[in-house]
C-alpha cells in the first residue's frame, strides 16, 4: 500500500510540474483530448496502463 501511495504522489508531482512550467501547452493538450474520439482515448489509456504495469513488473521483479 505504501508503494501505491508513493506512486500516486509521484504522479501528482509530475502533473503539477507540467502545469506549472507549461500551462499553455497543457491547455493545448486538453483541447486535443476533447477532439479525440473516445475509442482512441480508451485504447491509448489501456496501452499506457499496460506499459506502466510492465515497467513496474520489471523494476519490482
N, C-alpha and C. Protein backbone atom coordinates (compact mmCIF):
# COMPACT_ATOMS: atom_id res chain seq x y z
N UNK A 1 0.82 -1.20 0.00
CA UNK A 1 0.00 0.00 0.00
C UNK A 1 0.86 1.26 0.00
N UNK A 2 1.98 1.20 0.69
CA UNK A 2 2.88 2.35 0.73
C UNK A 2 3.42 2.65 -0.67
N UNK A 3 3.73 1.59 -1.43
CA UNK A 3 4.22 1.79 -2.80
C UNK A 3 3.16 2.46 -3.66
N UNK A 4 1.91 2.08 -3.49
CA UNK A 4 0.82 2.67 -4.28
C UNK A 4 0.68 4.16 -3.97
N UNK A 5 0.71 4.51 -2.70
CA UNK A 5 0.57 5.91 -2.31
C UNK A 5 1.77 6.71 -2.79
N UNK A 6 2.96 6.12 -2.73
CA UNK A 6 4.16 6.78 -3.24
C UNK A 6 4.04 7.04 -4.74
N UNK A 7 3.57 6.03 -5.48
CA UNK A 7 3.40 6.18 -6.92
C UNK A 7 2.36 7.26 -7.24
N UNK A 8 1.28 7.28 -6.50
CA UNK A 8 0.25 8.29 -6.69
C UNK A 8 0.81 9.68 -6.43
N UNK A 9 1.58 9.82 -5.38
CA UNK A 9 2.22 11.09 -5.08
C UNK A 9 3.16 11.54 -6.18
N UNK A 10 3.90 10.60 -6.76
CA UNK A 10 4.82 10.92 -7.85
C UNK A 10 4.06 11.39 -9.09
N UNK A 11 2.94 10.76 -9.38
CA UNK A 11 2.09 11.20 -10.50
C UNK A 11 1.63 12.64 -10.28
N UNK A 12 1.21 12.95 -9.05
CA UNK A 12 0.75 14.31 -8.75
C UNK A 12 1.89 15.32 -8.88
N UNK A 13 3.08 14.95 -8.48
CA UNK A 13 4.23 15.84 -8.61
C UNK A 13 4.51 16.12 -10.09
N UNK A 14 4.53 15.06 -10.90
CA UNK A 14 4.82 15.23 -12.32
C UNK A 14 3.75 16.09 -12.99
N UNK A 15 2.49 15.83 -12.70
CA UNK A 15 1.42 16.65 -13.30
C UNK A 15 1.51 18.10 -12.83
N UNK A 16 1.78 18.29 -11.56
CA UNK A 16 1.89 19.65 -11.04
C UNK A 16 3.01 20.42 -11.70
N UNK A 17 4.14 19.78 -11.91
CA UNK A 17 5.27 20.43 -12.57
C UNK A 17 4.91 20.79 -14.01
N UNK A 18 4.23 19.87 -14.70
CA UNK A 18 3.83 20.17 -16.08
C UNK A 18 2.91 21.38 -16.15
N UNK A 19 1.92 21.44 -15.26
CA UNK A 19 1.00 22.59 -15.25
C UNK A 19 1.72 23.87 -14.86
N UNK A 20 2.69 23.80 -13.96
CA UNK A 20 3.41 24.99 -13.53
C UNK A 20 4.35 25.51 -14.62
N UNK A 21 5.03 24.60 -15.32
CA UNK A 21 6.01 25.03 -16.31
C UNK A 21 5.42 25.29 -17.69
N UNK A 22 4.36 24.54 -18.05
CA UNK A 22 3.81 24.63 -19.40
C UNK A 22 2.29 24.77 -19.40
N UNK A 23 1.75 25.82 -18.77
CA UNK A 23 0.28 25.92 -18.71
C UNK A 23 -0.37 26.02 -20.08
N UNK A 24 0.24 26.75 -21.00
CA UNK A 24 -0.32 26.86 -22.35
C UNK A 24 -0.29 25.53 -23.08
N UNK A 25 0.80 24.82 -22.93
CA UNK A 25 0.92 23.51 -23.57
C UNK A 25 -0.09 22.51 -23.02
N UNK A 26 -0.34 22.56 -21.73
CA UNK A 26 -1.32 21.65 -21.13
C UNK A 26 -2.73 21.97 -21.63
N UNK A 27 -3.03 23.26 -21.82
CA UNK A 27 -4.34 23.63 -22.36
C UNK A 27 -4.50 23.11 -23.79
N UNK A 28 -3.43 23.20 -24.56
CA UNK A 28 -3.47 22.69 -25.92
C UNK A 28 -3.70 21.17 -25.93
N UNK A 29 -3.02 20.47 -25.04
CA UNK A 29 -3.18 19.02 -24.94
C UNK A 29 -4.61 18.68 -24.55
N UNK A 30 -5.18 19.44 -23.62
CA UNK A 30 -6.57 19.19 -23.20
C UNK A 30 -7.55 19.41 -24.35
N UNK A 31 -7.33 20.48 -25.13
CA UNK A 31 -8.19 20.72 -26.29
C UNK A 31 -8.10 19.56 -27.28
N UNK A 32 -6.88 19.09 -27.47
CA UNK A 32 -6.68 17.95 -28.37
C UNK A 32 -7.39 16.70 -27.86
N UNK A 33 -7.36 16.49 -26.56
CA UNK A 33 -8.03 15.33 -25.98
C UNK A 33 -9.55 15.43 -26.16
N UNK A 34 -10.09 16.64 -26.05
CA UNK A 34 -11.53 16.82 -26.25
C UNK A 34 -11.95 16.52 -27.68
N UNK A 35 -11.04 16.74 -28.62
CA UNK A 35 -11.35 16.50 -30.03
C UNK A 35 -11.06 15.07 -30.47
N UNK A 36 -10.40 14.30 -29.63
CA UNK A 36 -10.03 12.93 -29.97
C UNK A 36 -11.20 12.00 -29.70
N UNK A 37 -11.47 11.06 -30.62
CA UNK A 37 -12.58 10.12 -30.40
C UNK A 37 -12.39 9.30 -29.13
N UNK A 38 -13.51 8.95 -28.48
CA UNK A 38 -13.46 8.18 -27.24
C UNK A 38 -12.69 6.88 -27.40
N UNK A 39 -12.91 6.20 -28.50
CA UNK A 39 -12.25 4.90 -28.71
C UNK A 39 -10.73 5.05 -28.74
N UNK A 40 -10.25 6.10 -29.37
CA UNK A 40 -8.81 6.35 -29.43
C UNK A 40 -8.26 6.62 -28.03
N UNK A 41 -8.95 7.43 -27.25
CA UNK A 41 -8.52 7.70 -25.88
C UNK A 41 -8.53 6.43 -25.04
N UNK A 42 -9.55 5.61 -25.23
CA UNK A 42 -9.67 4.36 -24.48
C UNK A 42 -8.50 3.41 -24.79
N UNK A 43 -8.22 3.23 -26.07
CA UNK A 43 -7.13 2.33 -26.46
C UNK A 43 -5.80 2.87 -25.98
N UNK A 44 -5.59 4.17 -26.14
CA UNK A 44 -4.34 4.78 -25.68
C UNK A 44 -4.18 4.62 -24.17
N UNK A 45 -5.26 4.83 -23.44
CA UNK A 45 -5.21 4.66 -21.98
C UNK A 45 -4.86 3.24 -21.58
N UNK A 46 -5.45 2.27 -22.26
CA UNK A 46 -5.15 0.87 -21.95
C UNK A 46 -3.70 0.51 -22.28
N UNK A 47 -3.19 1.02 -23.40
CA UNK A 47 -1.81 0.75 -23.78
C UNK A 47 -0.85 1.37 -22.77
N UNK A 48 -1.11 2.61 -22.37
CA UNK A 48 -0.24 3.28 -21.40
C UNK A 48 -0.30 2.57 -20.05
N UNK A 49 -1.50 2.16 -19.63
CA UNK A 49 -1.63 1.44 -18.36
C UNK A 49 -0.86 0.11 -18.42
N UNK A 50 -0.96 -0.60 -19.53
CA UNK A 50 -0.23 -1.86 -19.68
C UNK A 50 1.28 -1.63 -19.67
N UNK A 51 1.72 -0.58 -20.34
CA UNK A 51 3.14 -0.24 -20.34
C UNK A 51 3.62 0.07 -18.93
N UNK A 52 2.83 0.85 -18.19
CA UNK A 52 3.19 1.16 -16.80
C UNK A 52 3.27 -0.10 -15.95
N UNK A 53 2.32 -1.01 -16.14
CA UNK A 53 2.33 -2.27 -15.40
C UNK A 53 3.58 -3.08 -15.73
N UNK A 54 3.95 -3.13 -16.99
CA UNK A 54 5.15 -3.87 -17.39
C UNK A 54 6.39 -3.26 -16.76
N UNK A 55 6.47 -1.94 -16.77
CA UNK A 55 7.63 -1.25 -16.17
C UNK A 55 7.73 -1.58 -14.68
N UNK A 56 6.60 -1.49 -13.98
CA UNK A 56 6.61 -1.80 -12.55
C UNK A 56 6.99 -3.26 -12.32
N UNK A 57 6.47 -4.14 -13.14
CA UNK A 57 6.77 -5.57 -13.01
C UNK A 57 8.26 -5.84 -13.20
N UNK A 58 8.86 -5.18 -14.20
CA UNK A 58 10.30 -5.37 -14.45
C UNK A 58 11.13 -4.80 -13.29
N UNK A 59 10.77 -3.61 -12.85
CA UNK A 59 11.53 -2.95 -11.77
C UNK A 59 11.42 -3.72 -10.46
N UNK A 60 10.20 -4.18 -10.15
CA UNK A 60 9.96 -4.88 -8.87
C UNK A 60 10.37 -6.34 -8.91
N UNK A 61 10.53 -6.88 -10.12
CA UNK A 61 10.80 -8.31 -10.28
C UNK A 61 12.19 -8.67 -10.09
